[in-house]
Amino acid sequence: MLLFKFNKHFSLFSNVFYPLNHGSGHRLTRQIFPSRTQKLQYSSGSHIKMPGEICVLKYTKLSELAHAPVRGSEYAAGFDLKSAYDYVVPAHGKELVKTDLQVQIPDGCYGRIAPRSGLAWKNFIDIGAGVIDVDYRGNVGVVIFNHGDSDFIIKNGDRIAQLICEKIAYPCLEEVKSLDETIRGHSGFGSTGTK
């Protein structure tokens, strides 16, 4: 369990973890210090989610054909998304499948639209362009690629993908003359091998 302490002023943080001995067990507490760069005034309207606080994914239906996102099990990583319409995804082709849902991704996250394992394994179905920004309020569409040799039929209410809320950082962008050297350097595209 991580306990968080927040300074009144913060912008960029440096993290230090302290082990605390409580009887037979150990816990970690995390002190977040403001960086030496500019500091932002913490306003009473700001909200920082603490460990254990409930995170909410809000949604609204844009039509009567829309279906609520559903979780396949209690600890499933994502919510299954269902098609609002009937489609035919041609063999070796693609289709933009509408869900007729709007979602409000929780602060500090982005929404990732990911394939469902069963569709990928059994039907050669993959998902593309699957990012939902926190400020997007449009109809959630799923780009479906059919890598199979047969047309893929989608009916209203079919589960087509899953929506996963993932934590995200919003780094500042800085152009520099050179980057820190690493052991790996320029090596890529299979340079580390398969074993």
N, C-alpha and C. Protein backbone atom coordinates (compact mmCIF):
# COMPACT_ATOMS: atom_id res chain seq x y z
N MET A 1 0.86 -1.19 0.00
CA MET A 1 0.00 0.00 0.00
C MET A 1 0.88 1.23 0.00
N LEU A 2 0.56 2.22 -0.84
CA LEU A 2 1.32 3.46 -0.87
C LEU A 2 0.51 4.57 -0.22
N LEU A 3 1.15 5.26 0.71
CA LEU A 3 0.53 6.42 1.33
C LEU A 3 1.12 7.65 0.68
N PHE A 4 0.30 8.61 0.31
CA PHE A 4 0.78 9.78 -0.41
C PHE A 4 0.70 11.03 0.47
N LYS A 5 1.79 11.79 0.49
CA LYS A 5 1.79 13.09 1.14
C LYS A 5 2.03 14.14 0.06
N PHE A 6 1.23 15.19 0.06
CA PHE A 6 1.33 16.20 -0.97
C PHE A 6 1.74 17.54 -0.35
N ASN A 7 2.74 18.18 -0.96
CA ASN A 7 3.08 19.53 -0.56
C ASN A 7 2.03 20.49 -1.11
N LYS A 8 1.94 21.65 -0.50
CA LYS A 8 0.92 22.61 -0.91
C LYS A 8 1.20 23.12 -2.32
N HIS A 9 2.50 23.30 -2.68
CA HIS A 9 2.87 23.73 -4.02
C HIS A 9 3.46 22.55 -4.75
N PHE A 10 3.13 22.43 -6.03
CA PHE A 10 3.72 21.35 -6.81
C PHE A 10 3.66 21.68 -8.29
N SER A 11 4.59 21.11 -9.05
CA SER A 11 4.50 21.14 -10.51
C SER A 11 5.11 19.86 -11.02
N LEU A 12 6.44 19.83 -11.11
CA LEU A 12 7.12 18.59 -11.45
C LEU A 12 7.58 17.96 -10.16
N PHE A 13 7.43 16.65 -10.02
CA PHE A 13 7.68 16.01 -8.75
C PHE A 13 8.93 15.15 -8.78
N SER A 14 9.59 15.06 -7.64
CA SER A 14 10.60 14.04 -7.44
C SER A 14 10.06 13.11 -6.37
N ASN A 15 10.22 11.82 -6.56
CA ASN A 15 9.60 10.84 -5.69
C ASN A 15 10.63 10.17 -4.81
N VAL A 16 10.35 10.10 -3.53
CA VAL A 16 11.21 9.40 -2.59
C VAL A 16 10.35 8.45 -1.79
N PHE A 17 10.76 7.20 -1.68
CA PHE A 17 10.00 6.20 -0.95
C PHE A 17 10.70 5.90 0.37
N TYR A 18 9.93 5.90 1.46
CA TYR A 18 10.47 5.61 2.77
C TYR A 18 9.85 4.34 3.31
N PRO A 19 10.66 3.34 3.70
CA PRO A 19 10.08 2.17 4.36
C PRO A 19 9.74 2.50 5.80
N LEU A 20 8.56 2.12 6.23
CA LEU A 20 8.14 2.33 7.60
C LEU A 20 7.89 0.98 8.24
N ASN A 21 8.47 0.77 9.40
CA ASN A 21 8.31 -0.50 10.09
C ASN A 21 7.15 -0.39 11.06
N HIS A 22 6.11 -1.17 10.80
CA HIS A 22 4.95 -1.19 11.69
C HIS A 22 4.75 -2.62 12.15
N GLY A 23 5.30 -2.95 13.29
CA GLY A 23 5.15 -4.30 13.82
C GLY A 23 5.89 -5.29 12.95
N SER A 24 5.17 -6.33 12.49
CA SER A 24 5.81 -7.38 11.72
C SER A 24 5.90 -7.05 10.23
N GLY A 25 5.18 -6.02 9.79
CA GLY A 25 5.16 -5.72 8.35
C GLY A 25 5.85 -4.42 8.03
N HIS A 26 6.06 -4.19 6.76
CA HIS A 26 6.67 -2.95 6.28
C HIS A 26 5.70 -2.27 5.33
N ARG A 27 5.67 -0.96 5.39
CA ARG A 27 4.89 -0.20 4.44
C ARG A 27 5.78 0.86 3.82
N LEU A 28 5.36 1.34 2.67
CA LEU A 28 6.09 2.42 2.02
C LEU A 28 5.25 3.68 2.06
N THR A 29 5.88 4.79 2.35
CA THR A 29 5.21 6.07 2.20
C THR A 29 5.95 6.85 1.14
N ARG A 30 5.24 7.58 0.34
CA ARG A 30 5.83 8.28 -0.79
C ARG A 30 5.74 9.78 -0.54
N GLN A 31 6.90 10.44 -0.47
CA GLN A 31 6.92 11.89 -0.30
C GLN A 31 7.12 12.52 -1.67
N ILE A 32 6.23 13.39 -2.05
CA ILE A 32 6.35 14.07 -3.34
C ILE A 32 6.83 15.49 -3.10
N PHE A 33 8.03 15.79 -3.61
CA PHE A 33 8.61 17.11 -3.42
C PHE A 33 8.44 17.94 -4.68
N PRO A 34 8.24 19.24 -4.54
CA PRO A 34 8.22 20.09 -5.72
C PRO A 34 9.62 20.17 -6.31
N SER A 35 9.72 20.27 -7.64
CA SER A 35 11.02 20.38 -8.27
C SER A 35 11.57 21.78 -8.05
N ARG A 36 12.81 21.98 -8.46
CA ARG A 36 13.42 23.29 -8.30
C ARG A 36 12.98 24.25 -9.40
N THR A 37 12.24 23.74 -10.38
CA THR A 37 11.73 24.62 -11.42
C THR A 37 10.47 25.31 -10.92
N GLN A 38 9.75 25.96 -11.82
CA GLN A 38 8.60 26.74 -11.40
C GLN A 38 7.58 25.89 -10.65
N LYS A 39 6.90 26.51 -9.71
CA LYS A 39 5.91 25.82 -8.89
C LYS A 39 4.52 26.33 -9.24
N LEU A 40 3.57 25.44 -9.20
CA LEU A 40 2.18 25.81 -9.47
C LEU A 40 1.42 25.90 -8.16
N GLN A 41 0.59 26.90 -8.05
CA GLN A 41 -0.22 27.06 -6.85
C GLN A 41 -1.30 26.00 -6.83
N TYR A 42 -1.38 25.25 -5.75
CA TYR A 42 -2.43 24.25 -5.60
C TYR A 42 -3.72 24.97 -5.27
N SER A 43 -4.74 24.77 -6.09
CA SER A 43 -6.02 25.45 -5.86
C SER A 43 -6.99 24.50 -5.18
N SER A 44 -7.91 25.08 -4.45
CA SER A 44 -8.89 24.26 -3.72
C SER A 44 -9.77 23.49 -4.68
N GLY A 45 -9.85 23.95 -5.95
CA GLY A 45 -10.67 23.26 -6.93
C GLY A 45 -9.99 22.05 -7.54
N SER A 46 -8.66 21.95 -7.36
CA SER A 46 -7.94 20.81 -7.90
C SER A 46 -8.28 19.56 -7.11
N HIS A 47 -8.13 18.41 -7.77
CA HIS A 47 -8.48 17.17 -7.10
C HIS A 47 -7.45 16.11 -7.43
N ILE A 48 -6.87 15.51 -6.42
CA ILE A 48 -5.89 14.46 -6.60
C ILE A 48 -6.48 13.17 -6.08
N LYS A 49 -6.48 12.14 -6.93
CA LYS A 49 -7.06 10.86 -6.52
C LYS A 49 -6.10 10.12 -5.61
N MET A 50 -6.58 9.73 -4.47
CA MET A 50 -5.79 9.00 -3.50
C MET A 50 -5.99 7.51 -3.71
N PRO A 51 -5.02 6.69 -3.23
CA PRO A 51 -5.16 5.24 -3.36
C PRO A 51 -6.47 4.76 -2.74
N GLY A 52 -7.14 3.88 -3.43
CA GLY A 52 -8.40 3.35 -2.92
C GLY A 52 -9.61 4.17 -3.29
N GLU A 53 -9.39 5.38 -3.82
CA GLU A 53 -10.52 6.21 -4.22
C GLU A 53 -11.16 5.64 -5.48
N ILE A 54 -12.47 5.71 -5.56
CA ILE A 54 -13.18 5.14 -6.70
C ILE A 54 -12.95 5.99 -7.94
N CYS A 55 -12.59 5.33 -9.03
CA CYS A 55 -12.38 5.98 -10.32
C CYS A 55 -13.61 5.68 -11.18
N VAL A 56 -14.16 6.70 -11.82
CA VAL A 56 -15.43 6.55 -12.53
C VAL A 56 -15.25 6.82 -14.02
N LEU A 57 -15.71 5.89 -14.85
CA LEU A 57 -15.78 6.09 -16.29
C LEU A 57 -17.23 6.41 -16.64
N LYS A 58 -17.49 7.66 -16.98
CA LYS A 58 -18.85 8.08 -17.29
C LYS A 58 -19.14 7.87 -18.78
N TYR A 59 -20.38 7.53 -19.09
CA TYR A 59 -20.76 7.34 -20.49
C TYR A 59 -22.21 7.79 -20.68
N THR A 60 -22.55 8.07 -21.92
CA THR A 60 -23.93 8.37 -22.27
C THR A 60 -24.24 7.72 -23.61
N LYS A 61 -25.49 7.32 -23.80
CA LYS A 61 -25.92 6.69 -25.05
C LYS A 61 -26.42 7.77 -26.01
N LEU A 62 -25.94 7.70 -27.25
CA LEU A 62 -26.34 8.67 -28.27
C LEU A 62 -27.58 8.23 -29.03
N SER A 63 -27.96 6.98 -28.91
CA SER A 63 -29.17 6.48 -29.57
C SER A 63 -29.70 5.29 -28.80
N GLU A 64 -30.89 4.86 -29.18
CA GLU A 64 -31.49 3.68 -28.54
C GLU A 64 -30.80 2.39 -28.96
N LEU A 65 -29.95 2.48 -29.97
CA LEU A 65 -29.23 1.30 -30.46
C LEU A 65 -27.96 1.03 -29.67
N ALA A 66 -27.56 1.98 -28.85
CA ALA A 66 -26.31 1.84 -28.09
C ALA A 66 -26.46 0.85 -26.95
N HIS A 67 -25.35 0.23 -26.58
CA HIS A 67 -25.32 -0.72 -25.47
C HIS A 67 -24.29 -0.25 -24.45
N ALA A 68 -24.60 -0.41 -23.18
CA ALA A 68 -23.68 -0.01 -22.11
C ALA A 68 -22.41 -0.84 -22.17
N PRO A 69 -21.26 -0.23 -21.88
CA PRO A 69 -20.03 -1.02 -21.76
C PRO A 69 -20.18 -2.02 -20.61
N VAL A 70 -19.62 -3.20 -20.78
CA VAL A 70 -19.74 -4.23 -19.75
C VAL A 70 -18.37 -4.84 -19.47
N ARG A 71 -18.18 -5.20 -18.21
CA ARG A 71 -16.94 -5.87 -17.81
C ARG A 71 -17.20 -7.37 -17.79
N GLY A 72 -16.31 -8.13 -18.43
CA GLY A 72 -16.51 -9.57 -18.52
C GLY A 72 -16.38 -10.28 -17.20
N SER A 73 -15.58 -9.73 -16.30
CA SER A 73 -15.41 -10.30 -14.96
C SER A 73 -15.03 -9.17 -14.02
N GLU A 74 -15.04 -9.44 -12.74
CA GLU A 74 -14.80 -8.40 -11.74
C GLU A 74 -13.46 -7.70 -11.94
N TYR A 75 -12.43 -8.46 -12.32
CA TYR A 75 -11.09 -7.89 -12.45
C TYR A 75 -10.63 -7.81 -13.90
N ALA A 76 -11.56 -7.82 -14.83
CA ALA A 76 -11.19 -7.64 -16.24
C ALA A 76 -10.59 -6.25 -16.42
N ALA A 77 -9.54 -6.16 -17.23
CA ALA A 77 -8.85 -4.88 -17.43
C ALA A 77 -9.72 -3.87 -18.16
N GLY A 78 -10.56 -4.34 -19.07
CA GLY A 78 -11.32 -3.42 -19.89
C GLY A 78 -12.82 -3.66 -19.85
N PHE A 79 -13.54 -2.71 -20.42
CA PHE A 79 -14.99 -2.81 -20.60
C PHE A 79 -15.25 -3.20 -22.06
N ASP A 80 -16.03 -4.24 -22.26
CA ASP A 80 -16.37 -4.64 -23.63
C ASP A 80 -17.27 -3.60 -24.28
N LEU A 81 -16.95 -3.26 -25.52
CA LEU A 81 -17.74 -2.33 -26.31
C LEU A 81 -18.55 -3.12 -27.34
N LYS A 82 -19.81 -2.70 -27.53
CA LYS A 82 -20.70 -3.41 -28.45
C LYS A 82 -21.08 -2.52 -29.63
N SER A 83 -21.24 -3.15 -30.76
CA SER A 83 -21.63 -2.42 -31.97
C SER A 83 -23.08 -1.95 -31.86
N ALA A 84 -23.34 -0.74 -32.37
CA ALA A 84 -24.71 -0.23 -32.39
C ALA A 84 -25.43 -0.58 -33.69
N TYR A 85 -24.69 -1.08 -34.69
CA TYR A 85 -25.29 -1.33 -36.00
C TYR A 85 -24.77 -2.65 -36.56
N ASP A 86 -25.36 -3.06 -37.68
CA ASP A 86 -24.89 -4.24 -38.41
C ASP A 86 -23.83 -3.81 -39.43
N TYR A 87 -22.79 -4.61 -39.54
CA TYR A 87 -21.71 -4.32 -40.49
C TYR A 87 -21.23 -5.61 -41.13
N VAL A 88 -20.59 -5.45 -42.28
CA VAL A 88 -19.82 -6.53 -42.90
C VAL A 88 -18.41 -6.00 -43.12
N VAL A 89 -17.45 -6.61 -42.43
CA VAL A 89 -16.05 -6.22 -42.62
C VAL A 89 -15.47 -7.17 -43.66
N PRO A 90 -15.14 -6.66 -44.85
CA PRO A 90 -14.71 -7.56 -45.92
C PRO A 90 -13.39 -8.25 -45.60
N ALA A 91 -13.19 -9.42 -46.20
CA ALA A 91 -11.92 -10.13 -46.03
C ALA A 91 -10.76 -9.22 -46.43
N HIS A 92 -9.75 -9.17 -45.57
CA HIS A 92 -8.56 -8.33 -45.79
C HIS A 92 -8.93 -6.85 -45.92
N GLY A 93 -10.06 -6.47 -45.32
CA GLY A 93 -10.50 -5.09 -45.38
C GLY A 93 -10.67 -4.49 -43.99
N LYS A 94 -11.34 -3.35 -43.93
CA LYS A 94 -11.52 -2.65 -42.66
C LYS A 94 -12.88 -1.99 -42.63
N GLU A 95 -13.29 -1.60 -41.41
CA GLU A 95 -14.58 -0.92 -41.23
C GLU A 95 -14.52 -0.10 -39.96
N LEU A 96 -15.17 1.07 -39.99
CA LEU A 96 -15.32 1.89 -38.78
C LEU A 96 -16.66 1.55 -38.16
N VAL A 97 -16.62 0.92 -37.00
CA VAL A 97 -17.82 0.43 -36.33
C VAL A 97 -18.21 1.40 -35.22
N LYS A 98 -19.42 1.94 -35.29
CA LYS A 98 -19.89 2.91 -34.30
C LYS A 98 -20.53 2.20 -33.11
N THR A 99 -20.27 2.75 -31.92
CA THR A 99 -20.90 2.22 -30.70
C THR A 99 -22.07 3.08 -30.26
N ASP A 100 -22.18 4.31 -30.78
CA ASP A 100 -23.17 5.29 -30.34
C ASP A 100 -23.05 5.57 -28.84
N LEU A 101 -21.81 5.57 -28.36
CA LEU A 101 -21.52 5.93 -26.97
C LEU A 101 -20.60 7.13 -26.93
N GLN A 102 -20.83 8.00 -25.97
CA GLN A 102 -19.87 9.03 -25.58
C GLN A 102 -19.30 8.61 -24.23
N VAL A 103 -18.00 8.82 -24.04
CA VAL A 103 -17.40 8.48 -22.75
C VAL A 103 -16.62 9.67 -22.21
N GLN A 104 -16.52 9.72 -20.91
CA GLN A 104 -15.69 10.71 -20.23
C GLN A 104 -14.60 9.95 -19.49
N ILE A 105 -13.41 9.96 -20.08
CA ILE A 105 -12.28 9.23 -19.50
C ILE A 105 -11.85 9.91 -18.20
N PRO A 106 -11.54 9.16 -17.15
CA PRO A 106 -11.12 9.78 -15.88
C PRO A 106 -9.85 10.61 -16.05
N ASP A 107 -9.73 11.68 -15.26
CA ASP A 107 -8.54 12.51 -15.29
C ASP A 107 -7.30 11.67 -15.01
N GLY A 108 -6.20 12.00 -15.71
CA GLY A 108 -4.95 11.28 -15.51
C GLY A 108 -4.87 10.00 -16.30
N CYS A 109 -5.87 9.75 -17.16
CA CYS A 109 -5.90 8.52 -17.96
C CYS A 109 -6.17 8.87 -19.42
N TYR A 110 -5.98 7.88 -20.27
CA TYR A 110 -6.52 7.92 -21.62
C TYR A 110 -7.22 6.60 -21.87
N GLY A 111 -8.11 6.58 -22.82
CA GLY A 111 -8.81 5.34 -23.13
C GLY A 111 -8.12 4.61 -24.27
N ARG A 112 -7.81 3.35 -24.07
CA ARG A 112 -7.21 2.54 -25.14
C ARG A 112 -8.22 1.51 -25.61
N ILE A 113 -8.53 1.55 -26.89
CA ILE A 113 -9.42 0.55 -27.47
C ILE A 113 -8.56 -0.61 -27.95
N ALA A 114 -8.76 -1.75 -27.35
CA ALA A 114 -7.91 -2.92 -27.59
C ALA A 114 -8.73 -4.06 -28.17
N PRO A 115 -8.06 -5.00 -28.86
CA PRO A 115 -8.78 -6.16 -29.41
C PRO A 115 -9.29 -7.07 -28.30
N ARG A 116 -10.29 -7.85 -28.61
CA ARG A 116 -10.74 -8.92 -27.74
C ARG A 116 -10.02 -10.19 -28.18
N SER A 117 -9.49 -10.92 -27.23
CA SER A 117 -8.62 -12.05 -27.56
C SER A 117 -9.33 -13.11 -28.41
N GLY A 118 -10.60 -13.36 -28.13
CA GLY A 118 -11.33 -14.37 -28.89
C GLY A 118 -11.47 -14.00 -30.35
N LEU A 119 -11.78 -12.73 -30.64
CA LEU A 119 -11.92 -12.30 -32.03
C LEU A 119 -10.58 -12.35 -32.75
N ALA A 120 -9.51 -11.98 -32.04
CA ALA A 120 -8.19 -12.00 -32.66
C ALA A 120 -7.77 -13.43 -32.99
N TRP A 121 -7.99 -14.35 -32.07
CA TRP A 121 -7.54 -15.73 -32.25
C TRP A 121 -8.41 -16.51 -33.24
N LYS A 122 -9.71 -16.37 -33.12
CA LYS A 122 -10.62 -17.19 -33.93
C LYS A 122 -10.96 -16.59 -35.29
N ASN A 123 -10.96 -15.24 -35.37
CA ASN A 123 -11.46 -14.60 -36.59
C ASN A 123 -10.45 -13.67 -37.26
N PHE A 124 -9.22 -13.62 -36.77
CA PHE A 124 -8.17 -12.78 -37.37
C PHE A 124 -8.56 -11.30 -37.36
N ILE A 125 -9.26 -10.88 -36.30
CA ILE A 125 -9.73 -9.50 -36.19
C ILE A 125 -8.77 -8.70 -35.32
N ASP A 126 -8.41 -7.50 -35.81
CA ASP A 126 -7.53 -6.61 -35.05
C ASP A 126 -8.15 -5.22 -34.99
N ILE A 127 -7.64 -4.42 -34.06
CA ILE A 127 -8.16 -3.06 -33.83
C ILE A 127 -7.06 -2.05 -34.13
N GLY A 128 -7.42 -0.93 -34.76
CA GLY A 128 -6.45 0.12 -35.05
C GLY A 128 -6.89 1.46 -34.50
N ALA A 129 -5.92 2.39 -34.43
CA ALA A 129 -6.18 3.78 -34.03
C ALA A 129 -7.00 3.87 -32.76
N GLY A 130 -6.57 3.16 -31.73
CA GLY A 130 -7.40 3.01 -30.54
C GLY A 130 -7.06 3.89 -29.37
N VAL A 131 -7.05 5.20 -29.53
CA VAL A 131 -6.78 6.12 -28.42
C VAL A 131 -7.95 7.08 -28.25
N ILE A 132 -8.45 7.20 -27.03
CA ILE A 132 -9.48 8.18 -26.70
C ILE A 132 -8.88 9.16 -25.71
N ASP A 133 -8.73 10.42 -26.12
CA ASP A 133 -8.20 11.45 -25.23
C ASP A 133 -9.24 11.84 -24.19
N VAL A 134 -8.75 12.38 -23.08
CA VAL A 134 -9.64 12.70 -21.96
C VAL A 134 -10.66 13.78 -22.33
N ASP A 135 -10.34 14.61 -23.33
CA ASP A 135 -11.26 15.69 -23.71
C ASP A 135 -12.12 15.35 -24.93
N TYR A 136 -12.05 14.12 -25.42
CA TYR A 136 -12.86 13.72 -26.58
C TYR A 136 -14.29 13.40 -26.14
N ARG A 137 -15.26 13.94 -26.86
CA ARG A 137 -16.66 13.72 -26.51
C ARG A 137 -17.49 13.23 -27.70
N GLY A 138 -16.83 12.71 -28.71
CA GLY A 138 -17.56 12.24 -29.88
C GLY A 138 -18.02 10.80 -29.74
N ASN A 139 -18.69 10.33 -30.78
CA ASN A 139 -19.14 8.95 -30.85
C ASN A 139 -17.92 8.03 -30.87
N VAL A 140 -17.87 7.08 -29.98
CA VAL A 140 -16.74 6.15 -29.93
C VAL A 140 -16.85 5.17 -31.09
N GLY A 141 -15.91 5.26 -32.01
CA GLY A 141 -15.86 4.35 -33.14
C GLY A 141 -14.67 3.41 -33.01
N VAL A 142 -14.83 2.22 -33.53
CA VAL A 142 -13.78 1.20 -33.45
C VAL A 142 -13.35 0.85 -34.87
N VAL A 143 -12.06 1.06 -35.18
CA VAL A 143 -11.52 0.69 -36.48
C VAL A 143 -11.17 -0.80 -36.44
N ILE A 144 -11.88 -1.59 -37.23
CA ILE A 144 -11.70 -3.04 -37.23
C ILE A 144 -11.05 -3.48 -38.53
N PHE A 145 -9.95 -4.24 -38.39
CA PHE A 145 -9.26 -4.83 -39.53
C PHE A 145 -9.56 -6.33 -39.57
N ASN A 146 -9.95 -6.81 -40.72
CA ASN A 146 -10.20 -8.23 -40.91
C ASN A 146 -9.04 -8.83 -41.71
N HIS A 147 -8.17 -9.56 -41.04
CA HIS A 147 -7.02 -10.18 -41.70
C HIS A 147 -7.35 -11.58 -42.22
N GLY A 148 -8.59 -12.01 -42.07
CA GLY A 148 -9.00 -13.34 -42.51
C GLY A 148 -9.38 -13.38 -43.97
N ASP A 149 -9.64 -14.59 -44.45
CA ASP A 149 -10.00 -14.80 -45.85
C ASP A 149 -11.51 -14.75 -46.09
N SER A 150 -12.29 -14.58 -45.03
CA SER A 150 -13.75 -14.52 -45.15
C SER A 150 -14.27 -13.21 -44.58
N ASP A 151 -15.40 -12.74 -45.11
CA ASP A 151 -16.03 -11.55 -44.55
C ASP A 151 -16.39 -11.80 -43.09
N PHE A 152 -16.30 -10.74 -42.28
CA PHE A 152 -16.63 -10.86 -40.86
C PHE A 152 -17.93 -10.10 -40.62
N ILE A 153 -18.93 -10.81 -40.12
CA ILE A 153 -20.26 -10.24 -39.91
C ILE A 153 -20.39 -9.71 -38.48
N ILE A 154 -20.84 -8.46 -38.36
CA ILE A 154 -21.09 -7.85 -37.05
C ILE A 154 -22.57 -7.50 -36.96
N LYS A 155 -23.19 -7.89 -35.88
CA LYS A 155 -24.59 -7.56 -35.62
C LYS A 155 -24.69 -6.57 -34.46
N ASN A 156 -25.79 -5.84 -34.43
CA ASN A 156 -26.04 -4.93 -33.31
C ASN A 156 -25.95 -5.71 -31.99
N GLY A 157 -25.16 -5.18 -31.07
CA GLY A 157 -25.01 -5.84 -29.77
C GLY A 157 -23.82 -6.77 -29.68
N ASP A 158 -23.13 -7.04 -30.80
CA ASP A 158 -21.94 -7.88 -30.75
C ASP A 158 -20.80 -7.15 -30.05
N ARG A 159 -20.06 -7.87 -29.23
CA ARG A 159 -18.88 -7.30 -28.57
C ARG A 159 -17.75 -7.24 -29.59
N ILE A 160 -17.21 -6.05 -29.79
CA ILE A 160 -16.24 -5.85 -30.87
C ILE A 160 -14.85 -5.48 -30.39
N ALA A 161 -14.74 -4.92 -29.20
CA ALA A 161 -13.45 -4.46 -28.69
C ALA A 161 -13.59 -4.25 -27.19
N GLN A 162 -12.49 -3.85 -26.55
CA GLN A 162 -12.56 -3.51 -25.14
C GLN A 162 -11.90 -2.15 -24.90
N LEU A 163 -12.47 -1.41 -23.97
CA LEU A 163 -11.97 -0.09 -23.61
C LEU A 163 -11.24 -0.18 -22.28
N ILE A 164 -9.95 0.16 -22.29
CA ILE A 164 -9.11 0.10 -21.10
C ILE A 164 -8.68 1.52 -20.74
N CYS A 165 -8.84 1.90 -19.48
CA CYS A 165 -8.37 3.20 -19.00
C CYS A 165 -6.96 3.03 -18.46
N GLU A 166 -6.00 3.71 -19.07
CA GLU A 166 -4.60 3.58 -18.69
C GLU A 166 -4.08 4.92 -18.20
N LYS A 167 -3.21 4.87 -17.18
CA LYS A 167 -2.58 6.07 -16.66
C LYS A 167 -1.67 6.68 -17.72
N ILE A 168 -1.56 8.00 -17.70
CA ILE A 168 -0.75 8.68 -18.71
C ILE A 168 -0.03 9.86 -18.08
N ALA A 169 1.16 10.17 -18.61
CA ALA A 169 1.91 11.36 -18.22
C ALA A 169 1.79 12.39 -19.34
N TYR A 170 1.84 13.66 -18.99
CA TYR A 170 1.79 14.74 -19.97
C TYR A 170 3.10 15.52 -19.89
N PRO A 171 4.19 15.00 -20.48
CA PRO A 171 5.49 15.65 -20.34
C PRO A 171 5.56 16.96 -21.12
N CYS A 172 6.39 17.87 -20.63
CA CYS A 172 6.70 19.08 -21.39
C CYS A 172 7.67 18.68 -22.51
N LEU A 173 7.62 19.40 -23.61
CA LEU A 173 8.48 19.10 -24.76
C LEU A 173 9.66 20.05 -24.75
N GLU A 174 10.87 19.50 -24.91
CA GLU A 174 12.08 20.32 -24.89
C GLU A 174 13.03 19.83 -25.98
N GLU A 175 13.42 20.74 -26.88
CA GLU A 175 14.42 20.40 -27.89
C GLU A 175 15.81 20.61 -27.30
N VAL A 176 16.69 19.63 -27.47
CA VAL A 176 18.05 19.70 -26.94
C VAL A 176 19.05 19.41 -28.05
N LYS A 177 20.32 19.77 -27.80
CA LYS A 177 21.38 19.54 -28.79
C LYS A 177 21.69 18.06 -28.94
N SER A 178 21.68 17.33 -27.82
CA SER A 178 21.98 15.90 -27.86
C SER A 178 21.27 15.21 -26.70
N LEU A 179 21.18 13.90 -26.77
CA LEU A 179 20.51 13.11 -25.75
C LEU A 179 21.53 12.32 -24.94
N ASP A 180 21.14 11.90 -23.75
CA ASP A 180 22.01 11.07 -22.93
C ASP A 180 22.33 9.77 -23.65
N GLU A 181 23.59 9.35 -23.56
CA GLU A 181 24.01 8.10 -24.19
C GLU A 181 23.51 6.91 -23.38
N THR A 182 23.21 5.81 -24.07
CA THR A 182 22.82 4.57 -23.42
C THR A 182 23.64 3.42 -23.99
N ILE A 183 23.63 2.29 -23.30
CA ILE A 183 24.35 1.12 -23.79
C ILE A 183 23.75 0.64 -25.11
N ARG A 184 22.44 0.70 -25.21
CA ARG A 184 21.76 0.22 -26.42
C ARG A 184 22.01 1.11 -27.61
N GLY A 185 21.99 2.41 -27.40
CA GLY A 185 22.25 3.34 -28.48
C GLY A 185 21.22 3.28 -29.59
N HIS A 186 21.70 3.15 -30.85
CA HIS A 186 20.83 3.17 -32.02
C HIS A 186 20.21 1.82 -32.35
N SER A 187 20.58 0.78 -31.63
CA SER A 187 20.12 -0.57 -31.98
C SER A 187 18.61 -0.70 -31.84
N GLY A 188 17.97 -1.29 -32.82
CA GLY A 188 16.53 -1.48 -32.79
C GLY A 188 16.09 -2.49 -33.83
N PHE A 189 14.79 -2.65 -33.98
CA PHE A 189 14.22 -3.53 -35.00
C PHE A 189 14.82 -4.94 -34.94
N GLY A 190 14.68 -5.57 -33.77
CA GLY A 190 15.14 -6.95 -33.63
C GLY A 190 16.56 -7.10 -33.14
N SER A 191 17.21 -5.99 -32.78
CA SER A 191 18.62 -6.06 -32.37
C SER A 191 18.83 -6.84 -31.08
N THR A 192 17.79 -6.93 -30.24
CA THR A 192 17.95 -7.65 -28.97
C THR A 192 17.67 -9.14 -29.11
N GLY A 193 17.30 -9.58 -30.30
CA GLY A 193 17.09 -11.01 -30.53
C GLY A 193 15.75 -11.50 -30.04
N THR A 194 15.56 -12.81 -30.07
CA THR A 194 14.29 -13.42 -29.67
C THR A 194 14.41 -14.29 -28.44
N LYS A 195 15.60 -14.49 -27.93
CA LYS A 195 15.82 -15.35 -26.76
C LYS A 195 16.20 -14.53 -25.55
